Amino acid sequence: MTTRIVYLFPDTNLFLQCKTLEELDWSVCKDCEEVRLLVSKPVLREIDHLKSKGNDRVRKRSRSASALLRESIDSGRDHKLVRPRNPCVKLFV
């Protein structure tokens, strides 16, 4: 059996403008079994830069996103599990 995996490369707006990853409605990806969010270095740099720039909302969301991404990096695992099933959503940094 083949696992259907969708790879998504989010930009900074996913972390600053949308709901948290846990709150997003992932059920729209019902045709796949797994969603992998691959965060690139430019996105990491921009989030880090915005922690001290912009308005209060941007700074707060940037710090929250940075903490989430740092947790993923520091966990020693290659990903952070965002959602366990229907579909499974994993965050890779």
N, C-alpha and C. Protein backbone atom coordinates (compact mmCIF):
# COMPACT_ATOMS: atom_id res chain seq x y z
N MET A 1 0.84 -1.18 0.00
CA MET A 1 0.00 0.00 0.00
C MET A 1 0.88 1.24 0.00
N THR A 2 0.55 2.21 -0.82
CA THR A 2 1.31 3.44 -0.93
C THR A 2 0.67 4.54 -0.10
N THR A 3 1.49 5.25 0.65
CA THR A 3 1.00 6.37 1.44
C THR A 3 1.02 7.63 0.58
N ARG A 4 -0.11 8.30 0.49
CA ARG A 4 -0.17 9.56 -0.26
C ARG A 4 0.29 10.69 0.64
N ILE A 5 1.42 11.30 0.28
CA ILE A 5 2.00 12.38 1.07
C ILE A 5 1.98 13.66 0.23
N VAL A 6 1.55 14.75 0.85
CA VAL A 6 1.57 16.06 0.22
C VAL A 6 2.63 16.89 0.92
N TYR A 7 3.51 17.51 0.13
CA TYR A 7 4.56 18.36 0.67
C TYR A 7 4.16 19.82 0.44
N LEU A 8 4.16 20.60 1.52
CA LEU A 8 3.83 22.02 1.42
C LEU A 8 5.00 22.84 1.94
N PHE A 9 5.30 23.93 1.25
CA PHE A 9 6.37 24.84 1.65
C PHE A 9 5.73 26.16 2.07
N PRO A 10 5.39 26.30 3.35
CA PRO A 10 4.69 27.51 3.79
C PRO A 10 5.60 28.73 3.79
N ASP A 11 4.99 29.90 3.62
CA ASP A 11 5.75 31.12 3.78
C ASP A 11 5.44 31.70 5.17
N THR A 12 6.02 32.82 5.46
CA THR A 12 5.89 33.43 6.78
C THR A 12 4.44 33.73 7.13
N ASN A 13 3.63 34.06 6.14
CA ASN A 13 2.24 34.41 6.40
C ASN A 13 1.44 33.29 7.06
N LEU A 14 1.78 32.05 6.79
CA LEU A 14 1.08 30.95 7.45
C LEU A 14 1.19 31.08 8.96
N PHE A 15 2.35 31.48 9.44
CA PHE A 15 2.58 31.58 10.88
C PHE A 15 2.10 32.91 11.47
N LEU A 16 2.04 33.96 10.66
CA LEU A 16 1.68 35.27 11.18
C LEU A 16 0.22 35.65 10.96
N GLN A 17 -0.40 35.17 9.89
CA GLN A 17 -1.74 35.62 9.54
C GLN A 17 -2.84 34.58 9.76
N CYS A 18 -2.49 33.32 9.76
CA CYS A 18 -3.49 32.25 9.88
C CYS A 18 -3.68 31.83 11.33
N LYS A 19 -4.63 30.94 11.52
CA LYS A 19 -4.79 30.30 12.82
C LYS A 19 -3.53 29.49 13.11
N THR A 20 -3.39 29.00 14.34
CA THR A 20 -2.25 28.15 14.65
C THR A 20 -2.37 26.86 13.84
N LEU A 21 -1.27 26.16 13.65
CA LEU A 21 -1.29 24.94 12.85
C LEU A 21 -2.26 23.91 13.40
N GLU A 22 -2.38 23.84 14.71
CA GLU A 22 -3.29 22.89 15.34
C GLU A 22 -4.75 23.26 15.09
N GLU A 23 -5.04 24.54 14.91
CA GLU A 23 -6.42 25.01 14.72
C GLU A 23 -6.89 24.98 13.26
N LEU A 24 -5.97 24.87 12.32
CA LEU A 24 -6.35 24.87 10.91
C LEU A 24 -7.18 23.64 10.56
N ASP A 25 -8.07 23.79 9.60
CA ASP A 25 -8.93 22.69 9.16
C ASP A 25 -8.18 21.86 8.11
N TRP A 26 -7.49 20.84 8.58
CA TRP A 26 -6.70 19.98 7.70
C TRP A 26 -7.56 18.96 6.98
N SER A 27 -8.82 18.88 7.33
CA SER A 27 -9.70 17.89 6.69
C SER A 27 -9.89 18.17 5.20
N VAL A 28 -9.56 19.37 4.75
CA VAL A 28 -9.66 19.66 3.31
C VAL A 28 -8.64 18.85 2.52
N CYS A 29 -7.65 18.30 3.21
CA CYS A 29 -6.64 17.44 2.57
C CYS A 29 -7.03 15.98 2.71
N LYS A 30 -8.30 15.68 2.55
CA LYS A 30 -8.82 14.33 2.79
C LYS A 30 -8.31 13.29 1.79
N ASP A 31 -7.80 13.73 0.65
CA ASP A 31 -7.31 12.78 -0.35
C ASP A 31 -5.89 12.30 -0.06
N CYS A 32 -5.29 12.81 0.97
CA CYS A 32 -3.93 12.36 1.31
C CYS A 32 -3.91 11.83 2.74
N GLU A 33 -2.92 11.04 3.02
CA GLU A 33 -2.80 10.45 4.35
C GLU A 33 -1.87 11.25 5.25
N GLU A 34 -0.98 12.02 4.62
CA GLU A 34 0.00 12.78 5.40
C GLU A 34 0.32 14.09 4.70
N VAL A 35 0.42 15.15 5.51
CA VAL A 35 0.84 16.46 5.02
C VAL A 35 2.15 16.79 5.71
N ARG A 36 3.15 17.12 4.92
CA ARG A 36 4.45 17.51 5.48
C ARG A 36 4.69 18.98 5.17
N LEU A 37 4.81 19.76 6.25
CA LEU A 37 5.11 21.19 6.12
C LEU A 37 6.61 21.37 6.22
N LEU A 38 7.23 21.85 5.17
CA LEU A 38 8.68 22.02 5.12
C LEU A 38 9.01 23.50 5.21
N VAL A 39 9.59 23.92 6.34
CA VAL A 39 9.90 25.33 6.58
C VAL A 39 11.34 25.60 6.15
N SER A 40 11.50 26.57 5.26
CA SER A 40 12.82 26.89 4.71
C SER A 40 13.58 27.90 5.59
N LYS A 41 14.88 27.99 5.34
CA LYS A 41 15.71 28.93 6.10
C LYS A 41 15.28 30.38 5.92
N PRO A 42 14.92 30.82 4.71
CA PRO A 42 14.47 32.21 4.59
C PRO A 42 13.24 32.51 5.46
N VAL A 43 12.33 31.56 5.58
CA VAL A 43 11.16 31.75 6.44
C VAL A 43 11.59 31.83 7.90
N LEU A 44 12.51 30.98 8.31
CA LEU A 44 13.03 31.03 9.68
C LEU A 44 13.66 32.38 9.97
N ARG A 45 14.46 32.87 9.04
CA ARG A 45 15.13 34.17 9.22
C ARG A 45 14.12 35.30 9.31
N GLU A 46 13.11 35.27 8.46
CA GLU A 46 12.11 36.35 8.48
C GLU A 46 11.32 36.34 9.79
N ILE A 47 10.94 35.17 10.26
CA ILE A 47 10.23 35.08 11.53
C ILE A 47 11.11 35.60 12.67
N ASP A 48 12.37 35.22 12.66
CA ASP A 48 13.31 35.69 13.68
C ASP A 48 13.44 37.21 13.62
N HIS A 49 13.53 37.76 12.43
CA HIS A 49 13.66 39.21 12.24
C HIS A 49 12.42 39.95 12.74
N LEU A 50 11.24 39.38 12.52
CA LEU A 50 9.99 40.05 12.88
C LEU A 50 9.67 39.99 14.37
N LYS A 51 10.43 39.23 15.13
CA LYS A 51 10.19 39.16 16.58
C LYS A 51 10.37 40.52 17.25
N SER A 52 11.18 41.39 16.64
CA SER A 52 11.42 42.71 17.23
C SER A 52 10.99 43.85 16.31
N LYS A 53 10.22 43.54 15.26
CA LYS A 53 9.77 44.56 14.30
C LYS A 53 8.26 44.56 14.20
N GLY A 54 7.72 45.58 13.57
CA GLY A 54 6.28 45.62 13.31
C GLY A 54 5.45 45.96 14.53
N ASN A 55 4.17 45.73 14.42
CA ASN A 55 3.26 46.05 15.52
C ASN A 55 3.25 44.92 16.56
N ASP A 56 2.49 45.12 17.63
CA ASP A 56 2.44 44.14 18.72
C ASP A 56 1.98 42.77 18.26
N ARG A 57 0.99 42.74 17.38
CA ARG A 57 0.46 41.46 16.90
C ARG A 57 1.52 40.69 16.12
N VAL A 58 2.24 41.37 15.24
CA VAL A 58 3.28 40.72 14.44
C VAL A 58 4.39 40.19 15.35
N ARG A 59 4.81 41.00 16.30
CA ARG A 59 5.86 40.56 17.24
C ARG A 59 5.40 39.34 18.04
N LYS A 60 4.18 39.39 18.54
CA LYS A 60 3.66 38.28 19.34
C LYS A 60 3.55 37.00 18.52
N ARG A 61 2.99 37.10 17.30
CA ARG A 61 2.85 35.92 16.45
C ARG A 61 4.20 35.38 16.02
N SER A 62 5.16 36.28 15.76
CA SER A 62 6.51 35.86 15.38
C SER A 62 7.19 35.10 16.52
N ARG A 63 7.01 35.59 17.73
CA ARG A 63 7.60 34.90 18.89
C ARG A 63 6.96 33.54 19.09
N SER A 64 5.66 33.44 18.90
CA SER A 64 4.98 32.15 19.04
C SER A 64 5.45 31.16 17.97
N ALA A 65 5.55 31.65 16.74
CA ALA A 65 6.02 30.80 15.65
C ALA A 65 7.46 30.37 15.89
N SER A 66 8.28 31.30 16.36
CA SER A 66 9.67 30.98 16.65
C SER A 66 9.78 29.90 17.73
N ALA A 67 8.96 30.01 18.75
CA ALA A 67 8.96 29.01 19.82
C ALA A 67 8.55 27.64 19.28
N LEU A 68 7.54 27.60 18.42
CA LEU A 68 7.08 26.35 17.81
C LEU A 68 8.20 25.72 16.97
N LEU A 69 8.84 26.54 16.16
CA LEU A 69 9.91 26.04 15.30
C LEU A 69 11.12 25.62 16.12
N ARG A 70 11.44 26.37 17.17
CA ARG A 70 12.56 26.02 18.05
C ARG A 70 12.27 24.68 18.75
N GLU A 71 11.03 24.49 19.17
CA GLU A 71 10.63 23.23 19.81
C GLU A 71 10.86 22.06 18.85
N SER A 72 10.52 22.27 17.60
CA SER A 72 10.72 21.23 16.59
C SER A 72 12.20 20.92 16.42
N ILE A 73 13.03 21.95 16.37
CA ILE A 73 14.47 21.78 16.19
C ILE A 73 15.10 21.12 17.40
N ASP A 74 14.73 21.59 18.60
CA ASP A 74 15.35 21.10 19.83
C ASP A 74 14.87 19.72 20.28
N SER A 75 13.82 19.23 19.66
CA SER A 75 13.24 17.95 20.09
C SER A 75 14.15 16.76 19.81
N GLY A 76 15.09 16.93 18.89
CA GLY A 76 15.95 15.82 18.52
C GLY A 76 15.31 14.90 17.49
N ARG A 77 14.07 15.18 17.14
CA ARG A 77 13.39 14.41 16.10
C ARG A 77 13.47 15.20 14.81
N ASP A 78 13.17 14.55 13.71
CA ASP A 78 13.24 15.25 12.43
C ASP A 78 11.98 16.06 12.13
N HIS A 79 10.93 15.94 12.99
CA HIS A 79 9.69 16.67 12.76
C HIS A 79 8.93 16.87 14.06
N LYS A 80 7.94 17.75 14.00
CA LYS A 80 7.00 17.92 15.11
C LYS A 80 5.64 17.47 14.60
N LEU A 81 4.98 16.65 15.35
CA LEU A 81 3.66 16.17 14.98
C LEU A 81 2.63 17.24 15.32
N VAL A 82 1.93 17.73 14.32
CA VAL A 82 0.91 18.76 14.50
C VAL A 82 -0.45 18.12 14.66
N ARG A 83 -0.70 17.06 13.90
CA ARG A 83 -1.98 16.35 13.93
C ARG A 83 -1.71 14.88 13.68
N PRO A 84 -2.24 13.99 14.50
CA PRO A 84 -1.89 12.57 14.37
C PRO A 84 -2.55 11.83 13.20
N ARG A 85 -3.73 12.27 12.75
CA ARG A 85 -4.39 11.53 11.66
C ARG A 85 -5.49 12.37 11.00
N ASN A 86 -5.94 11.86 9.86
CA ASN A 86 -7.06 12.43 9.08
C ASN A 86 -6.86 13.87 8.62
N PRO A 87 -5.86 14.25 7.96
CA PRO A 87 -4.59 13.53 7.72
C PRO A 87 -3.59 13.81 8.84
N CYS A 88 -2.54 13.01 8.85
CA CYS A 88 -1.42 13.24 9.75
C CYS A 88 -0.67 14.47 9.23
N VAL A 89 -0.36 15.43 10.10
CA VAL A 89 0.35 16.64 9.69
C VAL A 89 1.65 16.74 10.49
N LYS A 90 2.76 16.86 9.77
CA LYS A 90 4.08 16.94 10.39
C LYS A 90 4.79 18.21 9.95
N LEU A 91 5.47 18.84 10.90
CA LEU A 91 6.23 20.06 10.63
C LEU A 91 7.71 19.73 10.61
N PHE A 92 8.37 20.04 9.50
CA PHE A 92 9.81 19.82 9.35
C PHE A 92 10.50 21.16 9.20
N VAL A 93 11.60 21.33 9.92
CA VAL A 93 12.37 22.58 9.84
C VAL A 93 13.71 22.28 9.23
